């Protein structure tokens, strides 16, 4: 089988995720791709996006929030992280396993002197620390496998973006396994730029296939990928609305009062709201404004801003209250 190989330079995370789906669903050929994205957190298809991400940190640091086609846990992308994608046509889906795709990457890293190996969770590790998370998606008789490679990523931003309190959410979503991570560059006997590392890996993995052809995106490809990007991958409905139904609970101390909040959220929309520690009248006012609204601070904060005086009159900090809602 001919394998089309792409080492493309597009860094828009939404475009790159859309490209994977486009090549998966519109071609018969196998694909191998290397790509990098600007700062972004990418949640798995079946995850609750709000529960996986530190939204205050993400907003402050201009980190994009994305959802991918495959399952698994949340990962962090930035220009210091290299992503690899394999798309393969198979006769029997059951025959495909993660190591079929991760072992060639491990062997390439070992050629550079990096003592990499795979884990039971299908991650790639060095010295017990994670350098690569992997996930798969099956479409008909085609398999999409992709993974990250933390080469020289900003690990402080990675930790900040994924530092969340999961206890506030009760749902059936897939939750990420938080792992100790490290950068590949720290284990190289000699220094490489990420561009040199990318070129090396591209040539090594190309050589692992018997029949390859370097593929350049056509204008038709780009047009269709951009359409998918704009209609699906950048949409709130896909990124947040696709999250499973969940119960949200939070509390905070305001003066002498303990305020406890509870919300039911479905398809990203608030279905019900209740609160103790504030008057029933104010709770009803807030509920009237929240129900039917997106569970998103960009939508909630302006809607509740007119109730700031009501909260203050009950000796509740409006800022603390708004922060507790997300």
Protein backbone atom coordinates (compact mmCIF):
# COMPACT_ATOMS: atom_id res chain seq x y z
CA UNK A 1 0.00 0.00 0.00
CA UNK A 2 1.27 3.45 -0.95
CA UNK A 3 1.78 5.79 2.01
CA UNK A 4 1.38 9.53 1.45
CA UNK A 5 3.81 11.41 3.73
CA UNK A 6 3.30 15.03 4.81
CA UNK A 7 5.59 17.23 6.85
CA UNK A 8 3.46 20.33 6.79
CA UNK A 9 4.04 23.72 8.40
CA UNK A 10 0.47 24.85 9.16
CA UNK A 11 0.34 25.73 12.87
CA UNK A 12 -3.37 26.45 13.35
CA UNK A 13 -4.54 23.65 15.71
CA UNK A 14 -8.10 23.69 14.35
CA UNK A 15 -6.85 23.33 10.78
CA UNK A 16 -4.53 20.49 11.75
CA UNK A 17 -7.27 18.52 13.51
CA UNK A 18 -9.61 19.08 10.57
CA UNK A 19 -6.88 17.87 8.19
CA UNK A 20 -6.69 14.55 10.02
CA UNK A 21 -10.42 13.98 9.63
CA UNK A 22 -10.35 15.04 5.99
CA UNK A 23 -7.56 12.63 5.03
CA UNK A 24 -9.14 9.86 7.09
CA UNK A 25 -12.55 10.08 5.44
CA UNK A 26 -11.81 11.14 1.87
CA UNK A 27 -8.89 8.94 0.76
CA UNK A 28 -8.11 5.26 0.33
CA UNK A 29 -4.35 5.67 0.68
CA UNK A 30 -2.46 5.39 3.96
CA UNK A 31 -1.03 8.59 5.43
CA UNK A 32 1.84 9.59 7.69
CA UNK A 33 2.02 13.21 8.87
CA UNK A 34 4.16 15.34 11.13
CA UNK A 35 2.78 18.69 12.29
CA UNK A 36 3.01 21.30 15.02
CA UNK A 37 0.44 23.69 16.46
CA UNK A 38 0.37 26.97 18.30
CA UNK A 39 -0.45 26.86 22.02
CA UNK A 40 -3.57 24.77 22.55
CA UNK A 41 -5.18 22.21 24.81
CA UNK A 42 -6.85 19.36 22.93
CA UNK A 43 -9.49 17.32 24.73
CA UNK A 44 -10.51 13.82 23.71
CA UNK A 45 -13.77 13.25 21.86
CA UNK A 46 -15.61 11.87 24.91
CA UNK A 47 -14.33 14.29 27.53
CA UNK A 48 -15.99 17.14 29.39
CA UNK A 49 -13.97 20.08 28.07
CA UNK A 50 -14.83 22.35 30.99
CA UNK A 51 -13.67 19.77 33.54
CA UNK A 52 -10.32 19.18 31.83
CA UNK A 53 -9.05 22.71 31.46
CA UNK A 54 -8.02 25.56 33.75
CA UNK A 55 -10.03 28.16 31.88
CA UNK A 56 -8.72 31.19 33.76
CA UNK A 57 -5.14 30.18 32.92
CA UNK A 58 -6.04 29.31 29.33
CA UNK A 59 -7.72 32.67 28.73
CA UNK A 60 -4.91 34.65 30.37
CA UNK A 61 -2.24 32.89 28.29
CA UNK A 62 -4.14 32.90 24.97
CA UNK A 63 -4.22 29.11 24.70
CA UNK A 64 -6.71 27.71 22.19
CA UNK A 65 -9.20 25.06 23.33
CA UNK A 66 -9.88 22.26 20.83
CA UNK A 67 -11.60 18.88 20.64
CA UNK A 68 -10.18 16.08 18.50
CA UNK A 69 -11.80 13.15 16.72
CA UNK A 70 -10.19 10.43 18.86
CA UNK A 71 -10.86 9.42 22.46
CA UNK A 72 -8.39 9.43 25.33
CA UNK A 73 -7.17 12.23 27.55
CA UNK A 74 -6.38 15.91 27.18
CA UNK A 75 -3.00 16.93 25.73
CA UNK A 76 -1.11 20.20 25.35
CA UNK A 77 0.30 21.47 22.08
CA UNK A 78 2.74 24.29 21.45
CA UNK A 79 5.53 24.90 18.89
CA UNK A 80 7.89 22.84 21.07
CA UNK A 81 5.66 19.79 20.73
CA UNK A 82 5.68 17.65 17.59
CA UNK A 83 2.61 15.64 16.60
CA UNK A 84 2.61 12.51 14.47
CA UNK A 85 -0.37 10.98 12.66
CA UNK A 86 -0.79 7.60 10.97
CA UNK A 87 -3.87 6.77 8.91
CA UNK A 88 -4.09 3.18 7.77
CA UNK A 89 -6.51 1.10 5.70
CA UNK A 90 -7.03 -2.30 7.35
CA UNK A 91 -8.90 -5.53 6.64
CA UNK A 92 -9.69 -6.26 10.29
CA UNK A 93 -9.84 -3.46 12.82
CA UNK A 94 -9.14 -5.94 15.62
CA UNK A 95 -5.65 -6.51 14.25
CA UNK A 96 -4.59 -2.92 14.87
CA UNK A 97 -2.85 -2.05 18.14
CA UNK A 98 -1.10 1.02 19.47
CA UNK A 99 2.38 -0.51 19.37
CA UNK A 100 2.11 -0.92 15.60
CA UNK A 101 2.42 2.87 15.44
CA UNK A 102 4.41 3.75 18.56
CA UNK A 103 7.28 1.26 18.12
CA UNK A 104 8.64 2.94 14.94
CA UNK A 105 8.68 6.26 16.84
CA UNK A 106 10.46 4.64 19.80
CA UNK A 107 13.08 3.09 17.49
CA UNK A 108 13.73 6.46 15.86
CA UNK A 109 14.20 8.10 19.27
CA UNK A 110 16.59 5.35 20.31
CA UNK A 111 18.71 6.07 17.22
CA UNK A 112 19.21 9.55 18.65
CA UNK A 113 20.38 8.10 21.96
CA UNK A 114 17.07 8.62 23.81
CA UNK A 115 16.17 5.60 25.96
CA UNK A 116 12.48 5.67 25.05
CA UNK A 117 9.98 2.86 25.61
CA UNK A 118 6.22 2.25 25.60
CA UNK A 119 4.02 1.89 28.69
CA UNK A 120 0.96 -0.22 29.46
CA UNK A 121 -1.15 2.92 28.88
CA UNK A 122 0.28 3.18 25.34
CA UNK A 123 2.28 6.28 26.23
CA UNK A 124 5.95 6.70 25.31
CA UNK A 125 8.21 7.28 28.31
CA UNK A 126 11.78 8.25 29.09
CA UNK A 127 13.14 7.55 32.57
CA UNK A 128 9.59 6.92 33.84
CA UNK A 129 8.32 10.28 32.55
CA UNK A 130 5.84 10.78 29.74
CA UNK A 131 6.99 12.31 26.47
CA UNK A 132 4.11 11.12 24.28
CA UNK A 133 0.39 10.49 24.67
CA UNK A 134 -1.42 8.49 21.98
CA UNK A 135 -5.02 7.97 20.86
CA UNK A 136 -6.94 6.30 18.03
CA UNK A 137 -10.17 6.64 16.09
CA UNK A 138 -11.72 4.07 13.75
CA UNK A 139 -13.72 5.10 10.68
CA UNK A 140 -15.11 2.21 8.63
CA UNK A 141 -11.96 0.20 7.76
CA UNK A 142 -9.57 3.05 8.37
CA UNK A 143 -7.67 3.75 11.57
CA UNK A 144 -6.41 7.15 12.68
CA UNK A 145 -3.59 6.97 15.22
CA UNK A 146 -1.93 10.12 16.52
CA UNK A 147 0.41 11.10 19.29
CA UNK A 148 2.33 13.98 20.81
CA UNK A 149 6.10 14.26 21.22
CA UNK A 150 7.13 16.75 23.89
CA UNK A 151 10.41 17.89 22.38
CA UNK A 152 11.04 21.32 23.92
CA UNK A 153 7.59 22.26 25.12
CA UNK A 154 6.77 24.84 27.80
CA UNK A 155 5.97 22.43 30.63
CA UNK A 156 4.94 25.21 33.03
CA UNK A 157 2.18 26.24 30.64
CA UNK A 158 1.21 22.61 30.12
CA UNK A 159 0.82 22.12 33.88
CA UNK A 160 -1.02 25.41 34.32
CA UNK A 161 -3.48 24.74 31.52
CA UNK A 162 -4.33 21.26 32.81
CA UNK A 163 -4.42 22.12 36.54
CA UNK A 164 -8.11 21.62 37.38
CA UNK A 165 -10.26 20.51 40.30
CA UNK A 166 -12.11 17.47 38.95
CA UNK A 167 -14.13 17.12 42.16
CA UNK A 168 -16.54 19.82 40.96
CA UNK A 169 -17.81 17.63 38.12
CA UNK A 170 -19.90 14.48 38.32
CA UNK A 171 -20.31 12.80 34.94
CA UNK A 172 -19.54 9.73 32.87
CA UNK A 173 -16.90 11.46 30.75
CA UNK A 174 -13.46 9.99 30.12
CA UNK A 175 -11.06 11.66 32.55
CA UNK A 176 -7.40 12.29 31.83
CA UNK A 177 -4.68 10.47 33.73
CA UNK A 178 -2.29 13.18 34.91
CA UNK A 179 1.30 12.06 34.37
CA UNK A 180 4.75 13.41 35.15
CA UNK A 181 6.05 14.75 31.84
CA UNK A 182 9.42 15.71 30.42
CA UNK A 183 10.99 17.00 27.21
CA UNK A 184 12.91 14.83 24.76
CA UNK A 185 15.51 17.56 24.25
CA UNK A 186 16.70 17.09 27.85
CA UNK A 187 17.80 13.52 27.02
CA UNK A 188 19.61 14.07 23.72
CA UNK A 189 23.38 13.53 23.69
CA UNK A 190 23.67 16.60 21.46
CA UNK A 191 21.40 19.55 20.77
CA UNK A 192 18.95 19.62 17.86
CA UNK A 193 16.51 22.34 16.92
CA UNK A 194 12.94 21.08 16.74
CA UNK A 195 13.11 21.64 12.98
CA UNK A 196 16.14 19.31 12.73
CA UNK A 197 14.40 16.80 14.99
CA UNK A 198 11.27 16.95 12.80
CA UNK A 199 13.30 16.39 9.62
CA UNK A 200 15.13 13.44 11.17
CA UNK A 201 11.92 11.80 12.37
CA UNK A 202 10.21 12.37 9.03
CA UNK A 203 13.00 10.64 7.13
CA UNK A 204 13.23 7.77 9.65
CA UNK A 205 9.51 7.03 9.64
CA UNK A 206 9.24 7.38 5.88
CA UNK A 207 11.97 4.75 5.57
CA UNK A 208 9.91 2.34 7.69
CA UNK A 209 7.32 2.02 4.90
CA UNK A 210 8.01 0.03 1.71
CA UNK A 211 6.21 2.44 -0.67
CA UNK A 212 6.03 6.16 0.07
CA UNK A 213 5.34 9.42 -1.72
CA UNK A 214 5.74 12.91 -0.31
CA UNK A 215 2.33 14.54 -0.51
CA UNK A 216 1.58 18.24 -0.90
CA UNK A 217 -1.86 19.55 -0.08
CA UNK A 218 -3.80 20.68 -3.13
CA UNK A 219 -6.01 23.76 -3.29
CA UNK A 220 -8.99 21.43 -3.09
CA UNK A 221 -7.56 19.81 0.03
CA UNK A 222 -7.03 23.16 1.72
CA UNK A 223 -10.47 24.42 0.74
CA UNK A 224 -12.22 21.35 2.17
CA UNK A 225 -10.08 21.32 5.32
CA UNK A 226 -10.76 25.02 5.96
CA UNK A 227 -14.47 24.40 5.50
CA UNK A 228 -14.37 21.56 8.06
CA UNK A 229 -12.25 23.71 10.38
CA UNK A 230 -14.69 26.62 10.29
CA UNK A 231 -17.91 24.62 10.40
CA UNK A 232 -16.89 22.03 13.01
CA UNK A 233 -13.56 22.35 14.77
CA UNK A 234 -13.84 26.02 15.80
CA UNK A 235 -17.51 25.75 16.80
CA UNK A 236 -18.62 26.01 20.41
CA UNK A 237 -21.04 23.12 19.82
CA UNK A 238 -18.13 20.79 19.00
CA UNK A 239 -15.61 22.04 21.57
CA UNK A 240 -17.93 22.45 24.57
CA UNK A 241 -21.42 21.43 23.53
CA UNK A 242 -20.26 17.90 22.67
CA UNK A 243 -19.36 17.32 26.33
CA UNK A 244 -21.48 14.69 28.09
CA UNK A 245 -24.22 15.60 30.58
CA UNK A 246 -22.76 16.55 33.96
CA UNK A 247 -23.59 17.78 37.44
CA UNK A 248 -21.53 20.76 38.55
CA UNK A 249 -20.99 21.47 42.26
CA UNK A 250 -18.84 24.11 43.92
CA UNK A 251 -18.69 26.10 47.14
CA UNK A 252 -16.82 29.05 48.59
CA UNK A 253 -16.68 31.00 51.83
CA UNK A 254 -17.85 34.61 51.66
CA UNK A 255 -17.60 36.35 55.01
CA UNK A 256 -19.56 34.20 57.45
CA UNK A 257 -21.59 32.49 54.74
CA UNK A 258 -20.75 29.24 52.97
CA UNK A 259 -22.21 29.48 49.48
CA UNK A 260 -22.90 26.16 47.76
CA UNK A 261 -23.74 26.00 44.06
CA UNK A 262 -25.19 23.17 42.01
CA UNK A 263 -26.00 23.05 38.30
CA UNK A 264 -27.10 20.43 35.81
CA UNK A 265 -25.50 20.94 32.38
CA UNK A 266 -26.44 19.11 29.17
CA UNK A 267 -24.85 19.70 25.76
CA UNK A 268 -23.01 22.58 27.38
CA UNK A 269 -26.23 24.37 28.38
CA UNK A 270 -27.35 25.03 31.97
CA UNK A 271 -30.53 23.03 32.65
CA UNK A 272 -31.00 23.85 36.32
CA UNK A 273 -29.39 25.96 39.05
CA UNK A 274 -29.67 26.08 42.82
CA UNK A 275 -27.64 27.72 45.57
CA UNK A 276 -27.57 27.78 49.37
CA UNK A 277 -25.97 30.51 51.45
CA UNK A 278 -27.90 33.19 49.55
CA UNK A 279 -31.56 34.16 49.77
CA UNK A 280 -34.16 32.12 47.89
CA UNK A 281 -35.19 35.25 46.03
CA UNK A 282 -31.66 35.90 44.73
CA UNK A 283 -31.17 32.22 43.90
CA UNK A 284 -34.36 32.34 41.82
CA UNK A 285 -33.18 35.50 40.02
CA UNK A 286 -29.86 33.86 39.15
CA UNK A 287 -31.57 30.66 38.03
CA UNK A 288 -33.88 32.60 35.73
CA UNK A 289 -30.86 34.16 34.02
CA UNK A 290 -28.68 31.05 33.90
CA UNK A 291 -31.04 28.31 32.69
CA UNK A 292 -30.70 27.92 28.92
CA UNK A 293 -27.34 29.69 28.92
CA UNK A 294 -24.00 28.19 27.91
CA UNK A 295 -21.90 27.07 30.85
CA UNK A 296 -19.15 29.41 29.80
CA UNK A 297 -17.78 32.47 31.67
CA UNK A 298 -17.87 34.58 28.50
CA UNK A 299 -21.65 34.15 28.45
CA UNK A 300 -22.38 33.89 32.18
CA UNK A 301 -20.47 36.93 33.43
CA UNK A 302 -22.27 39.61 31.34
CA UNK A 303 -25.67 38.07 32.10
CA UNK A 304 -25.12 38.05 35.86
CA UNK A 305 -23.27 41.39 36.07
CA UNK A 306 -26.53 43.32 36.77
CA UNK A 307 -27.00 41.22 39.94
CA UNK A 308 -23.69 42.37 41.46
CA UNK A 309 -25.47 44.81 43.79
CA UNK A 310 -27.89 42.10 44.96
CA UNK A 311 -24.95 39.85 45.83
CA UNK A 312 -23.12 42.69 47.59
CA UNK A 313 -26.22 43.50 49.64
CA UNK A 314 -26.13 39.91 50.91
CA UNK A 315 -22.43 40.34 51.73
CA UNK A 316 -21.42 37.99 48.90
CA UNK A 317 -18.47 38.95 46.71
CA UNK A 318 -19.74 39.12 43.09
CA UNK A 319 -16.27 38.20 41.82
CA UNK A 320 -16.07 35.13 44.07
CA UNK A 321 -19.56 34.09 43.03
CA UNK A 322 -18.83 34.35 39.30
CA UNK A 323 -15.53 32.50 39.71
CA UNK A 324 -17.34 29.70 41.50
CA UNK A 325 -19.74 29.13 38.60
CA UNK A 326 -17.09 27.73 36.24
